[in-house]
Amino acid sequence: QPRDRDLRFAFLAELAEAVLPHIEAYADVVEPAERNETDPATGKKTKVEVELCTDAGQLVVPSRAGVEFVRLLGRSMRFRR
């Protein structure tokens, strides 16, 4: 967990180079599914059709703190390319 932002993002870029090819290998085999999402404008729940990768692996996070860290990490990286 480097506190230096540049070091953290450099590590994550290297991790992505190793992990993304494995994940992308499963992107072609999908199945349709429905899930509920809240419309930000109205606050109402609506059904949304999504595609799920049927054979892709899962990321297991062992604790609530880990879940929170992954959530914040995703938010901090969402606009990076």
C-alpha atoms as a PDB file:
ATOM      1  CA  GLN A   1       0.000   0.000   0.000  1.00  0.00           C
ATOM      2  CA  PRO A   2       2.351   2.743  -1.086  1.00  0.00           C
ATOM      3  CA  ARG A   3       1.181   6.142   0.074  1.00  0.00           C
ATOM      4  CA  ASP A   4       2.975   7.738  -2.870  1.00  0.00           C
ATOM      5  CA  ARG A   5       0.307   7.957  -5.546  1.00  0.00           C
ATOM      6  CA  ASP A   6       2.728   7.548  -8.441  1.00  0.00           C
ATOM      7  CA  LEU A   7       4.184   4.352  -6.938  1.00  0.00           C
ATOM      8  CA  ARG A   8       0.701   2.969  -6.288  1.00  0.00           C
ATOM      9  CA  PHE A   9      -0.459   3.610  -9.855  1.00  0.00           C
ATOM     10  CA  ALA A  10       2.800   2.226 -11.304  1.00  0.00           C
ATOM     11  CA  PHE A  11       2.256  -0.986  -9.339  1.00  0.00           C
ATOM     12  CA  LEU A  12      -1.358  -1.209 -10.474  1.00  0.00           C
ATOM     13  CA  ALA A  13      -0.336  -0.688 -14.108  1.00  0.00           C
ATOM     14  CA  GLU A  14       2.061  -3.646 -13.839  1.00  0.00           C
ATOM     15  CA  LEU A  15      -0.628  -5.717 -12.137  1.00  0.00           C
ATOM     16  CA  ALA A  16      -3.091  -4.853 -14.904  1.00  0.00           C
ATOM     17  CA  GLU A  17      -0.593  -6.005 -17.553  1.00  0.00           C
ATOM     18  CA  ALA A  18      -0.507  -9.409 -15.872  1.00  0.00           C
ATOM     19  CA  VAL A  19      -4.200  -9.786 -15.011  1.00  0.00           C
ATOM     20  CA  LEU A  20      -6.104  -8.171 -17.908  1.00  0.00           C
ATOM     21  CA  PRO A  21      -5.127 -10.703 -20.605  1.00  0.00           C
ATOM     22  CA  HIS A  22      -6.500 -13.467 -18.377  1.00  0.00           C
ATOM     23  CA  ILE A  23      -9.763 -11.585 -17.779  1.00  0.00           C
ATOM     24  CA  GLU A  24     -10.180 -10.587 -21.434  1.00  0.00           C
ATOM     25  CA  ALA A  25      -9.930 -14.251 -22.460  1.00  0.00           C
ATOM     26  CA  TYR A  26     -13.398 -14.753 -20.926  1.00  0.00           C
ATOM     27  CA  ALA A  27     -15.047 -11.657 -22.429  1.00  0.00           C
ATOM     28  CA  ASP A  28     -16.495 -13.467 -25.455  1.00  0.00           C
ATOM     29  CA  VAL A  29     -18.618 -15.988 -23.528  1.00  0.00           C
ATOM     30  CA  VAL A  30     -21.428 -14.015 -21.886  1.00  0.00           C
ATOM     31  CA  GLU A  31     -24.979 -14.634 -20.787  1.00  0.00           C
ATOM     32  CA  PRO A  32     -27.715 -12.033 -20.370  1.00  0.00           C
ATOM     33  CA  ALA A  33     -28.971 -11.249 -16.883  1.00  0.00           C
ATOM     34  CA  GLU A  34     -31.156  -8.658 -15.191  1.00  0.00           C
ATOM     35  CA  ARG A  35     -30.318  -6.631 -12.138  1.00  0.00           C
ATOM     36  CA  ASN A  36     -31.849  -3.723 -10.286  1.00  0.00           C
ATOM     37  CA  GLU A  37     -30.220  -0.311 -10.353  1.00  0.00           C
ATOM     38  CA  THR A  38     -31.333   2.952  -8.823  1.00  0.00           C
ATOM     39  CA  ASP A  39     -31.949   5.773 -11.292  1.00  0.00           C
ATOM     40  CA  PRO A  40     -29.938   8.746  -9.961  1.00  0.00           C
ATOM     41  CA  ALA A  41     -32.431  11.287 -11.321  1.00  0.00           C
ATOM     42  CA  THR A  42     -35.609   9.779  -9.870  1.00  0.00           C
ATOM     43  CA  GLY A  43     -34.320   7.505  -7.111  1.00  0.00           C
ATOM     44  CA  LYS A  44     -36.508   4.670  -8.419  1.00  0.00           C
ATOM     45  CA  LYS A  45     -35.217   1.145  -8.900  1.00  0.00           C
ATOM     46  CA  THR A  46     -35.325  -0.079 -12.475  1.00  0.00           C
ATOM     47  CA  LYS A  47     -34.407  -3.382 -14.078  1.00  0.00           C
ATOM     48  CA  VAL A  48     -31.342  -3.231 -16.289  1.00  0.00           C
ATOM     49  CA  GLU A  49     -30.146  -5.931 -18.662  1.00  0.00           C
ATOM     50  CA  VAL A  50     -26.453  -6.742 -18.276  1.00  0.00           C
ATOM     51  CA  GLU A  51     -24.032  -9.284 -19.720  1.00  0.00           C
ATOM     52  CA  LEU A  52     -22.192 -11.592 -17.334  1.00  0.00           C
ATOM     53  CA  CYS A  53     -19.005 -13.435 -18.239  1.00  0.00           C
ATOM     54  CA  THR A  54     -19.989 -16.978 -17.342  1.00  0.00           C
ATOM     55  CA  ASP A  55     -16.569 -18.567 -16.834  1.00  0.00           C
ATOM     56  CA  ALA A  56     -14.516 -15.624 -15.573  1.00  0.00           C
ATOM     57  CA  GLY A  57     -12.812 -15.902 -12.223  1.00  0.00           C
ATOM     58  CA  GLN A  58     -13.853 -13.893  -9.209  1.00  0.00           C
ATOM     59  CA  LEU A  59     -11.925 -11.527  -7.013  1.00  0.00           C
ATOM     60  CA  VAL A  60     -12.290 -12.666  -3.409  1.00  0.00           C
ATOM     61  CA  VAL A  61     -11.805  -9.941  -0.810  1.00  0.00           C
ATOM     62  CA  PRO A  62     -11.442 -11.269   2.749  1.00  0.00           C
ATOM     63  CA  SER A  63     -12.904  -8.460   4.850  1.00  0.00           C
ATOM     64  CA  ARG A  64     -15.061  -5.346   4.837  1.00  0.00           C
ATOM     65  CA  ALA A  65     -11.926  -3.217   5.013  1.00  0.00           C
ATOM     66  CA  GLY A  66     -10.616  -5.002   1.917  1.00  0.00           C
ATOM     67  CA  VAL A  67     -13.909  -4.423   0.121  1.00  0.00           C
ATOM     68  CA  GLU A  68     -13.776  -0.739   1.025  1.00  0.00           C
ATOM     69  CA  PHE A  69     -10.162  -0.479  -0.176  1.00  0.00           C
ATOM     70  CA  VAL A  70     -10.991  -2.111  -3.530  1.00  0.00           C
ATOM     71  CA  ARG A  71     -14.018   0.197  -3.893  1.00  0.00           C
ATOM     72  CA  LEU A  72     -11.932   3.320  -3.257  1.00  0.00           C
ATOM     73  CA  LEU A  73      -9.165   2.020  -5.501  1.00  0.00           C
ATOM     74  CA  GLY A  74     -11.654   1.520  -8.324  1.00  0.00           C
ATOM     75  CA  ARG A  75     -13.031   5.024  -7.855  1.00  0.00           C
ATOM     76  CA  SER A  76      -9.554   6.548  -7.914  1.00  0.00           C
ATOM     77  CA  MET A  77      -8.645   4.704 -11.127  1.00  0.00           C
ATOM     78  CA  ARG A  78     -11.878   4.976 -13.110  1.00  0.00           C
ATOM     79  CA  PHE A  79     -10.659   7.753 -15.426  1.00  0.00           C
ATOM     80  CA  ARG A  80      -7.060   6.544 -15.839  1.00  0.00           C
ATOM     81  CA  ARG A  81      -5.952   5.054 -19.166  1.00  0.00           C
END
